[in-house]
Amino acid sequence: MFERFTDRARLVVKGAQQEARQLGQSYIGTEHLLLAILHLDSGIAHDVLIEVGTSYDSVRRALLDVDSRQWDGPDDAEALESIGIDLNAVKAKLEEAFGPGVLDEPIPAKRGWFGRPRRPAPPVGHLPFTPRSKMVLELGLREALALKHKHIGTERLLLGLIREGGVAAKVLTERGIDLKRLRDKTIEATKNNEGG
């Protein structure tokens, strides 16, 4: 599949790994692909995202504000509720027993020699793609085939991100971006300019 990627789309995949490392994460999620698209200085996907009012800095800030690892999994409250556990009631009981905000407190840093806090080791080697980010790459291929294009450019990756609905899509919608409008603009830009 990667032989069909344009040079810019390959830069996005490589850049996503770098973005994940910079955020201290040991996986490549949809949010890292979005950041890598925005980190490019041009291209159809980059230009469309800028046009609808988002930027690399604003997305990165949003990811730093909220632990994005929570977003790639199923909604915990919903999953627990399906088996008869009320997460809000559990949280209330814990706060009643141990004090308000007990679940919000950070875990103390592990201590190394001489009582100094140990830094977590940076991830080494190739970082794995989450199932959702793998799906984005596959959806990018499907979008290219649906539009009868032979190559997968950044715009197809953006269409895959929109369609997949993971962290990247949630960050965009939380920033007030209408995903249907973004999809329409991306398809329109793709038709006007082949090869981004």
N, C-alpha and C. Protein backbone atom coordinates (compact mmCIF):
# COMPACT_ATOMS: atom_id res chain seq x y z
N MET A 1 0.83 -1.19 0.00
CA MET A 1 0.00 0.00 0.00
C MET A 1 0.87 1.26 0.00
N PHE A 2 2.01 1.25 0.73
CA PHE A 2 2.81 2.47 0.85
C PHE A 2 3.43 2.90 -0.47
N GLU A 3 3.54 1.98 -1.43
CA GLU A 3 4.07 2.38 -2.73
C GLU A 3 3.11 3.33 -3.45
N ARG A 4 1.85 3.36 -3.04
CA ARG A 4 0.87 4.27 -3.64
C ARG A 4 0.88 5.66 -2.99
N PHE A 5 1.57 5.80 -1.87
CA PHE A 5 1.61 7.08 -1.17
C PHE A 5 2.47 8.08 -1.93
N THR A 6 1.98 9.32 -1.99
CA THR A 6 2.79 10.39 -2.56
C THR A 6 3.93 10.70 -1.59
N ASP A 7 4.91 11.44 -2.05
CA ASP A 7 6.03 11.81 -1.18
C ASP A 7 5.54 12.54 0.06
N ARG A 8 4.57 13.45 -0.14
CA ARG A 8 4.05 14.22 0.99
C ARG A 8 3.29 13.32 1.98
N ALA A 9 2.55 12.36 1.47
CA ALA A 9 1.82 11.43 2.35
C ALA A 9 2.81 10.57 3.14
N ARG A 10 3.92 10.20 2.53
CA ARG A 10 4.96 9.45 3.25
C ARG A 10 5.57 10.33 4.35
N LEU A 11 5.73 11.62 4.06
CA LEU A 11 6.24 12.54 5.08
C LEU A 11 5.28 12.61 6.27
N VAL A 12 3.99 12.53 5.98
CA VAL A 12 2.99 12.56 7.06
C VAL A 12 3.14 11.33 7.95
N VAL A 13 3.31 10.16 7.33
CA VAL A 13 3.45 8.93 8.12
C VAL A 13 4.72 8.99 8.97
N LYS A 14 5.82 9.45 8.38
CA LYS A 14 7.07 9.59 9.15
C LYS A 14 6.93 10.68 10.21
N GLY A 15 6.29 11.78 9.85
CA GLY A 15 6.10 12.88 10.78
C GLY A 15 5.22 12.50 11.95
N ALA A 16 4.25 11.61 11.73
CA ALA A 16 3.36 11.18 12.80
C ALA A 16 4.15 10.47 13.89
N GLN A 17 5.14 9.70 13.48
CA GLN A 17 5.99 9.02 14.46
C GLN A 17 6.75 10.05 15.29
N GLN A 18 7.27 11.08 14.63
CA GLN A 18 7.99 12.13 15.34
C GLN A 18 7.07 12.89 16.29
N GLU A 19 5.84 13.17 15.85
CA GLU A 19 4.87 13.87 16.70
C GLU A 19 4.56 13.04 17.94
N ALA A 20 4.39 11.74 17.76
CA ALA A 20 4.10 10.86 18.90
C ALA A 20 5.26 10.89 19.89
N ARG A 21 6.47 10.82 19.39
CA ARG A 21 7.66 10.86 20.26
C ARG A 21 7.73 12.18 21.03
N GLN A 22 7.46 13.28 20.34
CA GLN A 22 7.52 14.59 21.00
C GLN A 22 6.47 14.72 22.09
N LEU A 23 5.36 14.03 21.93
CA LEU A 23 4.31 14.06 22.96
C LEU A 23 4.55 12.99 24.03
N GLY A 24 5.64 12.23 23.88
CA GLY A 24 5.99 11.21 24.86
C GLY A 24 5.11 9.99 24.81
N GLN A 25 4.55 9.70 23.66
CA GLN A 25 3.65 8.57 23.55
C GLN A 25 4.32 7.42 22.81
N SER A 26 3.90 6.21 23.12
CA SER A 26 4.55 5.03 22.58
C SER A 26 3.75 4.39 21.44
N TYR A 27 2.89 5.15 20.82
CA TYR A 27 2.06 4.67 19.72
C TYR A 27 1.81 5.82 18.77
N ILE A 28 1.38 5.49 17.55
CA ILE A 28 1.00 6.52 16.57
C ILE A 28 -0.51 6.46 16.43
N GLY A 29 -1.16 7.52 16.89
CA GLY A 29 -2.62 7.60 16.82
C GLY A 29 -3.07 8.54 15.73
N THR A 30 -4.35 8.65 15.56
CA THR A 30 -4.91 9.52 14.52
C THR A 30 -4.51 10.97 14.76
N GLU A 31 -4.39 11.35 16.05
CA GLU A 31 -4.01 12.72 16.39
C GLU A 31 -2.61 13.05 15.88
N HIS A 32 -1.73 12.05 15.85
CA HIS A 32 -0.36 12.28 15.38
C HIS A 32 -0.34 12.46 13.86
N LEU A 33 -1.21 11.72 13.17
CA LEU A 33 -1.32 11.91 11.72
C LEU A 33 -1.83 13.31 11.40
N LEU A 34 -2.82 13.78 12.18
CA LEU A 34 -3.35 15.13 11.98
C LEU A 34 -2.26 16.18 12.21
N LEU A 35 -1.51 16.03 13.28
CA LEU A 35 -0.42 16.97 13.56
C LEU A 35 0.61 16.96 12.44
N ALA A 36 0.93 15.78 11.93
CA ALA A 36 1.92 15.68 10.85
C ALA A 36 1.42 16.36 9.57
N ILE A 37 0.13 16.25 9.29
CA ILE A 37 -0.43 16.96 8.12
C ILE A 37 -0.29 18.46 8.32
N LEU A 38 -0.64 18.92 9.50
CA LEU A 38 -0.57 20.36 9.78
C LEU A 38 0.85 20.87 9.86
N HIS A 39 1.79 19.99 10.18
CA HIS A 39 3.20 20.40 10.28
C HIS A 39 3.80 20.68 8.91
N LEU A 40 3.24 20.07 7.87
CA LEU A 40 3.70 20.35 6.51
C LEU A 40 3.48 21.83 6.21
N ASP A 41 4.27 22.39 5.32
CA ASP A 41 4.09 23.81 5.00
C ASP A 41 3.12 24.03 3.85
N SER A 42 2.68 22.95 3.21
CA SER A 42 1.73 23.08 2.10
C SER A 42 1.11 21.72 1.81
N GLY A 43 0.29 21.68 0.79
CA GLY A 43 -0.41 20.46 0.40
C GLY A 43 -1.91 20.67 0.55
N ILE A 44 -2.66 19.86 -0.16
CA ILE A 44 -4.11 20.02 -0.17
C ILE A 44 -4.69 19.91 1.24
N ALA A 45 -4.35 18.83 1.95
CA ALA A 45 -4.92 18.63 3.30
C ALA A 45 -4.52 19.77 4.23
N HIS A 46 -3.26 20.13 4.22
CA HIS A 46 -2.77 21.23 5.06
C HIS A 46 -3.54 22.51 4.76
N ASP A 47 -3.64 22.85 3.48
CA ASP A 47 -4.28 24.09 3.08
C ASP A 47 -5.77 24.12 3.45
N VAL A 48 -6.45 22.99 3.27
CA VAL A 48 -7.88 22.92 3.62
C VAL A 48 -8.06 23.08 5.12
N LEU A 49 -7.21 22.42 5.91
CA LEU A 49 -7.31 22.54 7.36
C LEU A 49 -7.08 23.98 7.82
N ILE A 50 -6.10 24.64 7.22
CA ILE A 50 -5.84 26.04 7.57
C ILE A 50 -7.02 26.91 7.16
N GLU A 51 -7.59 26.62 6.00
CA GLU A 51 -8.73 27.40 5.48
C GLU A 51 -9.95 27.31 6.41
N VAL A 52 -10.17 26.14 7.03
CA VAL A 52 -11.34 26.00 7.91
C VAL A 52 -11.06 26.49 9.33
N GLY A 53 -9.84 26.97 9.57
CA GLY A 53 -9.57 27.64 10.84
C GLY A 53 -8.82 26.86 11.88
N THR A 54 -8.07 25.88 11.49
CA THR A 54 -7.25 25.17 12.49
C THR A 54 -5.78 25.36 12.16
N SER A 55 -4.95 25.04 13.11
CA SER A 55 -3.51 25.19 12.90
C SER A 55 -2.77 24.12 13.71
N TYR A 56 -1.52 23.93 13.38
CA TYR A 56 -0.67 22.98 14.10
C TYR A 56 -0.65 23.32 15.58
N ASP A 57 -0.39 24.59 15.89
CA ASP A 57 -0.27 25.01 17.29
C ASP A 57 -1.55 24.78 18.08
N SER A 58 -2.70 25.08 17.47
CA SER A 58 -3.97 24.93 18.21
C SER A 58 -4.29 23.46 18.46
N VAL A 59 -4.00 22.60 17.50
CA VAL A 59 -4.26 21.17 17.68
C VAL A 59 -3.30 20.60 18.72
N ARG A 60 -2.05 20.99 18.63
CA ARG A 60 -1.05 20.50 19.61
C ARG A 60 -1.42 20.93 21.02
N ARG A 61 -1.85 22.18 21.17
CA ARG A 61 -2.28 22.67 22.49
C ARG A 61 -3.46 21.85 23.01
N ALA A 62 -4.41 21.57 22.12
CA ALA A 62 -5.58 20.79 22.53
C ALA A 62 -5.16 19.40 22.99
N LEU A 63 -4.19 18.81 22.32
CA LEU A 63 -3.73 17.47 22.70
C LEU A 63 -2.95 17.50 24.01
N LEU A 64 -2.25 18.58 24.25
CA LEU A 64 -1.52 18.70 25.51
C LEU A 64 -2.47 18.96 26.69
N ASP A 65 -3.60 19.62 26.41
CA ASP A 65 -4.57 19.92 27.45
C ASP A 65 -5.33 18.69 27.93
N VAL A 66 -5.54 17.76 27.03
CA VAL A 66 -6.32 16.57 27.36
C VAL A 66 -5.48 15.35 27.02
N ASP A 67 -5.49 14.37 27.89
CA ASP A 67 -4.74 13.14 27.63
C ASP A 67 -5.42 12.40 26.49
N SER A 68 -4.83 12.47 25.30
CA SER A 68 -5.46 11.91 24.10
C SER A 68 -5.58 10.40 24.16
N ARG A 69 -4.80 9.74 25.00
CA ARG A 69 -4.90 8.28 25.08
C ARG A 69 -6.28 7.85 25.55
N GLN A 70 -7.00 8.72 26.26
CA GLN A 70 -8.36 8.40 26.68
C GLN A 70 -9.29 8.31 25.48
N TRP A 71 -9.01 9.07 24.45
CA TRP A 71 -9.94 9.20 23.34
C TRP A 71 -9.92 8.03 22.37
N ASP A 72 -8.81 7.32 22.24
CA ASP A 72 -8.74 6.26 21.24
C ASP A 72 -9.48 4.99 21.65
N GLY A 73 -9.85 4.86 22.90
CA GLY A 73 -10.56 3.67 23.35
C GLY A 73 -12.05 3.91 23.42
N PRO A 74 -12.81 2.87 23.75
CA PRO A 74 -14.26 3.06 23.90
C PRO A 74 -14.55 3.93 25.11
N ASP A 75 -15.71 4.52 25.13
CA ASP A 75 -16.12 5.36 26.25
C ASP A 75 -16.27 4.46 27.48
N ASP A 76 -15.40 4.68 28.48
CA ASP A 76 -15.39 3.83 29.67
C ASP A 76 -16.74 3.81 30.37
N ALA A 77 -17.33 4.98 30.56
CA ALA A 77 -18.61 5.05 31.27
C ALA A 77 -19.67 4.23 30.55
N GLU A 78 -19.71 4.35 29.24
CA GLU A 78 -20.70 3.63 28.44
C GLU A 78 -20.47 2.12 28.51
N ALA A 79 -19.20 1.72 28.42
CA ALA A 79 -18.86 0.29 28.47
C ALA A 79 -19.22 -0.30 29.83
N LEU A 80 -18.88 0.42 30.90
CA LEU A 80 -19.20 -0.08 32.24
C LEU A 80 -20.71 -0.10 32.48
N GLU A 81 -21.40 0.91 31.97
CA GLU A 81 -22.85 0.97 32.14
C GLU A 81 -23.53 -0.23 31.48
N SER A 82 -22.97 -0.69 30.36
CA SER A 82 -23.56 -1.83 29.65
C SER A 82 -23.51 -3.11 30.47
N ILE A 83 -22.61 -3.15 31.47
CA ILE A 83 -22.55 -4.34 32.34
C ILE A 83 -23.07 -4.03 33.75
N GLY A 84 -23.79 -2.91 33.88
CA GLY A 84 -24.46 -2.60 35.13
C GLY A 84 -23.65 -1.82 36.15
N ILE A 85 -22.56 -1.18 35.74
CA ILE A 85 -21.74 -0.40 36.67
C ILE A 85 -21.89 1.07 36.34
N ASP A 86 -22.29 1.86 37.32
CA ASP A 86 -22.44 3.29 37.14
C ASP A 86 -21.12 3.97 37.53
N LEU A 87 -20.34 4.40 36.53
CA LEU A 87 -19.03 4.99 36.77
C LEU A 87 -19.12 6.24 37.64
N ASN A 88 -20.14 7.05 37.43
CA ASN A 88 -20.29 8.27 38.24
C ASN A 88 -20.53 7.93 39.71
N ALA A 89 -21.29 6.87 39.97
CA ALA A 89 -21.53 6.45 41.35
C ALA A 89 -20.24 5.94 41.99
N VAL A 90 -19.43 5.21 41.21
CA VAL A 90 -18.15 4.71 41.72
C VAL A 90 -17.23 5.88 42.06
N LYS A 91 -17.16 6.86 41.15
CA LYS A 91 -16.32 8.04 41.40
C LYS A 91 -16.79 8.78 42.65
N ALA A 92 -18.11 8.92 42.81
CA ALA A 92 -18.66 9.62 43.97
C ALA A 92 -18.28 8.90 45.27
N LYS A 93 -18.36 7.57 45.27
CA LYS A 93 -18.00 6.78 46.46
C LYS A 93 -16.51 6.94 46.78
N LEU A 94 -15.67 6.92 45.75
CA LEU A 94 -14.23 7.09 45.99
C LEU A 94 -13.93 8.47 46.56
N GLU A 95 -14.58 9.49 46.02
CA GLU A 95 -14.36 10.85 46.52
C GLU A 95 -14.91 11.00 47.94
N GLU A 96 -16.00 10.32 48.22
CA GLU A 96 -16.56 10.35 49.58
C GLU A 96 -15.59 9.71 50.57
N ALA A 97 -14.97 8.61 50.16
CA ALA A 97 -14.06 7.88 51.05
C ALA A 97 -12.68 8.52 51.16
N PHE A 98 -12.16 9.05 50.04
CA PHE A 98 -10.77 9.51 50.01
C PHE A 98 -10.59 11.01 49.76
N GLY A 99 -11.70 11.70 49.56
CA GLY A 99 -11.61 13.14 49.36
C GLY A 99 -11.86 13.55 47.91
N PRO A 100 -12.33 14.80 47.73
CA PRO A 100 -12.63 15.28 46.38
C PRO A 100 -11.38 15.32 45.51
N GLY A 101 -11.54 14.96 44.25
CA GLY A 101 -10.45 15.02 43.28
C GLY A 101 -9.42 13.92 43.42
N VAL A 102 -9.74 12.87 44.19
CA VAL A 102 -8.77 11.80 44.42
C VAL A 102 -8.34 11.15 43.10
N LEU A 103 -9.24 11.08 42.14
CA LEU A 103 -8.90 10.47 40.86
C LEU A 103 -8.13 11.41 39.94
N ASP A 104 -8.10 12.69 40.29
CA ASP A 104 -7.41 13.67 39.45
C ASP A 104 -5.96 13.87 39.84
N GLU A 105 -5.55 13.35 40.98
CA GLU A 105 -4.19 13.58 41.45
C GLU A 105 -3.20 12.79 40.59
N PRO A 106 -2.08 13.43 40.23
CA PRO A 106 -1.08 12.71 39.44
C PRO A 106 -0.38 11.65 40.29
N ILE A 107 0.07 10.62 39.63
CA ILE A 107 0.84 9.58 40.31
C ILE A 107 2.23 10.15 40.57
N PRO A 108 2.74 10.03 41.79
CA PRO A 108 4.06 10.59 42.07
C PRO A 108 5.12 9.95 41.19
N ALA A 109 6.12 10.74 40.83
CA ALA A 109 7.21 10.25 39.99
C ALA A 109 8.00 9.18 40.73
N LYS A 110 8.43 8.17 39.99
CA LYS A 110 9.28 7.14 40.59
C LYS A 110 10.62 7.78 40.91
N ARG A 111 11.20 7.32 41.98
CA ARG A 111 12.48 7.88 42.42
C ARG A 111 13.61 6.94 42.04
N GLY A 112 14.69 7.53 41.59
CA GLY A 112 15.89 6.77 41.23
C GLY A 112 16.92 6.91 42.33
N TRP A 113 18.16 6.80 41.94
CA TRP A 113 19.26 6.96 42.89
C TRP A 113 19.22 8.32 43.55
N PHE A 114 19.57 8.38 44.80
CA PHE A 114 19.69 9.61 45.57
C PHE A 114 18.37 10.38 45.66
N GLY A 115 17.23 9.69 45.47
CA GLY A 115 15.93 10.32 45.63
C GLY A 115 15.49 11.23 44.50
N ARG A 116 16.25 11.25 43.42
CA ARG A 116 15.88 12.11 42.28
C ARG A 116 14.77 11.44 41.48
N PRO A 117 13.83 12.25 40.95
CA PRO A 117 12.78 11.65 40.12
C PRO A 117 13.39 11.06 38.85
N ARG A 118 12.91 9.89 38.47
CA ARG A 118 13.38 9.27 37.23
C ARG A 118 12.52 9.76 36.08
N ARG A 119 13.17 10.06 34.99
CA ARG A 119 12.44 10.44 33.77
C ARG A 119 12.04 9.17 33.05
N PRO A 120 10.83 9.19 32.46
CA PRO A 120 10.46 8.00 31.68
C PRO A 120 11.37 7.90 30.47
N ALA A 121 11.74 6.69 30.13
CA ALA A 121 12.60 6.48 28.97
C ALA A 121 11.82 6.82 27.71
N PRO A 122 12.45 7.55 26.78
CA PRO A 122 11.74 7.85 25.54
C PRO A 122 11.56 6.57 24.73
N PRO A 123 10.45 6.48 24.01
CA PRO A 123 10.23 5.28 23.20
C PRO A 123 11.35 5.15 22.16
N VAL A 124 11.83 3.94 21.97
CA VAL A 124 12.86 3.69 20.97
C VAL A 124 12.32 2.78 19.89
N GLY A 125 12.96 2.82 18.74
CA GLY A 125 12.54 1.97 17.63
C GLY A 125 11.27 2.50 16.98
N HIS A 126 10.70 1.68 16.15
CA HIS A 126 9.49 2.05 15.42
C HIS A 126 8.29 2.00 16.36
N LEU A 127 7.49 3.05 16.35
CA LEU A 127 6.28 3.09 17.17
C LEU A 127 5.15 2.41 16.41
N PRO A 128 4.32 1.63 17.09
CA PRO A 128 3.21 0.96 16.41
C PRO A 128 2.06 1.92 16.16
N PHE A 129 1.34 1.67 15.09
CA PHE A 129 0.11 2.40 14.78
C PHE A 129 -1.02 1.80 15.61
N THR A 130 -1.90 2.66 16.12
CA THR A 130 -3.09 2.15 16.80
C THR A 130 -4.01 1.56 15.74
N PRO A 131 -4.95 0.71 16.14
CA PRO A 131 -5.90 0.18 15.15
C PRO A 131 -6.64 1.30 14.40
N ARG A 132 -6.95 2.39 15.10
CA ARG A 132 -7.65 3.50 14.45
C ARG A 132 -6.77 4.19 13.41
N SER A 133 -5.49 4.37 13.71
CA SER A 133 -4.61 5.03 12.74
C SER A 133 -4.34 4.11 11.54
N LYS A 134 -4.30 2.80 11.78
CA LYS A 134 -4.19 1.86 10.66
C LYS A 134 -5.42 1.97 9.77
N MET A 135 -6.57 2.11 10.42
CA MET A 135 -7.81 2.24 9.66
C MET A 135 -7.79 3.51 8.81
N VAL A 136 -7.21 4.59 9.33
CA VAL A 136 -7.12 5.84 8.56
C VAL A 136 -6.33 5.60 7.27
N LEU A 137 -5.22 4.87 7.36
CA LEU A 137 -4.41 4.58 6.18
C LEU A 137 -5.21 3.75 5.18
N GLU A 138 -5.95 2.76 5.69
CA GLU A 138 -6.78 1.94 4.81
C GLU A 138 -7.91 2.77 4.18
N LEU A 139 -8.53 3.63 4.98
CA LEU A 139 -9.59 4.48 4.45
C LEU A 139 -9.04 5.47 3.42
N GLY A 140 -7.79 5.91 3.61
CA GLY A 140 -7.15 6.76 2.61
C GLY A 140 -7.06 6.06 1.27
N LEU A 141 -6.70 4.77 1.31
CA LEU A 141 -6.65 3.98 0.08
C LEU A 141 -8.05 3.85 -0.52
N ARG A 142 -9.04 3.57 0.30
CA ARG A 142 -10.42 3.44 -0.20
C ARG A 142 -10.91 4.75 -0.81
N GLU A 143 -10.57 5.88 -0.16
CA GLU A 143 -10.97 7.18 -0.71
C GLU A 143 -10.32 7.40 -2.07
N ALA A 144 -9.06 7.04 -2.20
CA ALA A 144 -8.37 7.20 -3.48
C ALA A 144 -9.06 6.35 -4.55
N LEU A 145 -9.38 5.11 -4.21
CA LEU A 145 -10.04 4.22 -5.17
C LEU A 145 -11.43 4.74 -5.54
N ALA A 146 -12.16 5.25 -4.55
CA ALA A 146 -13.51 5.78 -4.80
C ALA A 146 -13.46 6.98 -5.73
N LEU A 147 -12.40 7.78 -5.61
CA LEU A 147 -12.26 8.96 -6.47
C LEU A 147 -11.50 8.64 -7.76
N LYS A 148 -11.21 7.34 -7.94
CA LYS A 148 -10.51 6.84 -9.13
C LYS A 148 -9.12 7.47 -9.29
N HIS A 149 -8.43 7.60 -8.17
CA HIS A 149 -7.06 8.11 -8.18
C HIS A 149 -6.11 6.96 -7.88
N LYS A 150 -4.95 7.02 -8.49
CA LYS A 150 -3.97 5.94 -8.33
C LYS A 150 -3.08 6.12 -7.11
N HIS A 151 -2.98 7.34 -6.61
CA HIS A 151 -2.08 7.62 -5.52
C HIS A 151 -2.82 8.10 -4.28
N ILE A 152 -2.20 7.88 -3.13
CA ILE A 152 -2.76 8.32 -1.86
C ILE A 152 -1.96 9.54 -1.42
N GLY A 153 -2.61 10.69 -1.47
CA GLY A 153 -1.99 11.93 -1.05
C GLY A 153 -2.47 12.32 0.33
N THR A 154 -1.99 13.44 0.82
CA THR A 154 -2.38 13.90 2.15
C THR A 154 -3.88 14.14 2.25
N GLU A 155 -4.48 14.56 1.14
CA GLU A 155 -5.92 14.82 1.16
C GLU A 155 -6.71 13.54 1.40
N ARG A 156 -6.22 12.39 0.87
CA ARG A 156 -6.90 11.12 1.12
C ARG A 156 -6.72 10.70 2.57
N LEU A 157 -5.55 10.99 3.13
CA LEU A 157 -5.35 10.70 4.56
C LEU A 157 -6.29 11.55 5.41
N LEU A 158 -6.47 12.81 5.03
CA LEU A 158 -7.41 13.67 5.76
C LEU A 158 -8.83 13.13 5.64
N LEU A 159 -9.22 12.68 4.45
CA LEU A 159 -10.55 12.09 4.28
C LEU A 159 -10.69 10.84 5.16
N GLY A 160 -9.62 10.06 5.27
CA GLY A 160 -9.63 8.90 6.14
C GLY A 160 -9.77 9.28 7.61
N LEU A 161 -9.06 10.35 8.01
CA LEU A 161 -9.17 10.84 9.40
C LEU A 161 -10.59 11.28 9.72
N ILE A 162 -11.20 11.97 8.78
CA ILE A 162 -12.57 12.46 8.98
C ILE A 162 -13.53 11.27 9.09
N ARG A 163 -13.38 10.33 8.19
CA ARG A 163 -14.28 9.19 8.13
C ARG A 163 -14.13 8.26 9.33
N GLU A 164 -12.90 8.10 9.82
CA GLU A 164 -12.62 7.17 10.91
C GLU A 164 -13.22 7.63 12.23
N GLY A 165 -13.17 8.93 12.51
CA GLY A 165 -13.82 9.47 13.69
C GLY A 165 -13.08 9.30 15.01
N GLY A 166 -11.78 9.10 15.00
CA GLY A 166 -11.01 8.91 16.24
C GLY A 166 -10.63 10.24 16.88
N VAL A 167 -9.50 10.25 17.54
CA VAL A 167 -9.03 11.42 18.27
C VAL A 167 -8.94 12.64 17.37
N ALA A 168 -8.36 12.47 16.19
CA ALA A 168 -8.19 13.60 15.27
C ALA A 168 -9.53 14.26 14.96
N ALA A 169 -10.53 13.45 14.64
CA ALA A 169 -11.85 13.98 14.32
C ALA A 169 -12.46 14.68 15.54
N LYS A 170 -12.25 14.11 16.72
CA LYS A 170 -12.79 14.73 17.94
C LYS A 170 -12.12 16.07 18.22
N VAL A 171 -10.82 16.13 18.01
CA VAL A 171 -10.11 17.41 18.22
C VAL A 171 -10.65 18.46 17.26
N LEU A 172 -10.87 18.08 16.02
CA LEU A 172 -11.39 19.03 15.03
C LEU A 172 -12.80 19.49 15.40
N THR A 173 -13.67 18.56 15.77
CA THR A 173 -15.05 18.96 16.11
C THR A 173 -15.08 19.80 17.39
N GLU A 174 -14.20 19.49 18.34
CA GLU A 174 -14.14 20.31 19.55
C GLU A 174 -13.65 21.72 19.26
N ARG A 175 -12.96 21.90 18.16
CA ARG A 175 -12.51 23.23 17.74
C ARG A 175 -13.57 23.91 16.87
N GLY A 176 -14.75 23.30 16.75
CA GLY A 176 -15.85 23.92 16.01
C GLY A 176 -15.84 23.65 14.52
N ILE A 177 -15.08 22.68 14.08
CA ILE A 177 -15.01 22.39 12.65
C ILE A 177 -16.05 21.34 12.30
N ASP A 178 -16.86 21.66 11.31
CA ASP A 178 -17.88 20.75 10.81
C ASP A 178 -17.20 19.74 9.89
N LEU A 179 -17.22 18.46 10.28
CA LEU A 179 -16.50 17.44 9.52
C LEU A 179 -17.10 17.22 8.13
N LYS A 180 -18.41 17.36 7.98
CA LYS A 180 -19.00 17.20 6.65
C LYS A 180 -18.52 18.33 5.73
N ARG A 181 -18.49 19.53 6.25
CA ARG A 181 -18.00 20.67 5.46
C ARG A 181 -16.52 20.48 5.11
N LEU A 182 -15.75 20.00 6.08
CA LEU A 182 -14.32 19.75 5.85
C LEU A 182 -14.14 18.68 4.78
N ARG A 183 -14.94 17.64 4.83
CA ARG A 183 -14.88 16.58 3.83
C ARG A 183 -15.21 17.13 2.44
N ASP A 184 -16.30 17.92 2.35
CA ASP A 184 -16.70 18.49 1.06
C ASP A 184 -15.60 19.40 0.49
N LYS A 185 -15.00 20.22 1.35
CA LYS A 185 -13.93 21.12 0.90
C LYS A 185 -12.71 20.33 0.44
N THR A 186 -12.42 19.25 1.14
CA THR A 186 -11.26 18.42 0.77
C THR A 186 -11.49 17.74 -0.57
N ILE A 187 -12.68 17.20 -0.78
CA ILE A 187 -12.99 16.56 -2.07
C ILE A 187 -12.96 17.58 -3.19
N GLU A 188 -13.52 18.76 -2.94
CA GLU A 188 -13.50 19.82 -3.95
C GLU A 188 -12.06 20.21 -4.30
N ALA A 189 -11.23 20.38 -3.29
CA ALA A 189 -9.83 20.74 -3.52
C ALA A 189 -9.09 19.62 -4.27
N THR A 190 -9.44 18.38 -3.96
CA THR A 190 -8.82 17.23 -4.62
C THR A 190 -9.16 17.21 -6.10
N LYS A 191 -10.40 17.52 -6.41
CA LYS A 191 -10.81 17.54 -7.82
C LYS A 191 -10.13 18.67 -8.58
N ASN A 192 -9.88 19.78 -7.89
CA ASN A 192 -9.25 20.92 -8.54
C ASN A 192 -7.74 20.78 -8.68
N ASN A 193 -7.13 19.92 -7.85
CA ASN A 193 -5.67 19.83 -7.85
C ASN A 193 -5.25 18.41 -7.53
N GLU A 194 -4.95 17.61 -8.49
CA GLU A 194 -4.54 16.22 -8.30
C GLU A 194 -3.10 16.16 -7.81
N GLY A 195 -2.88 15.41 -6.68
CA GLY A 195 -1.50 15.11 -6.27
C GLY A 195 -0.96 15.85 -5.09
N GLY A 196 -1.77 16.07 -3.99
CA GLY A 196 -1.29 16.81 -2.83
C GLY A 196 -0.71 15.96 -1.80
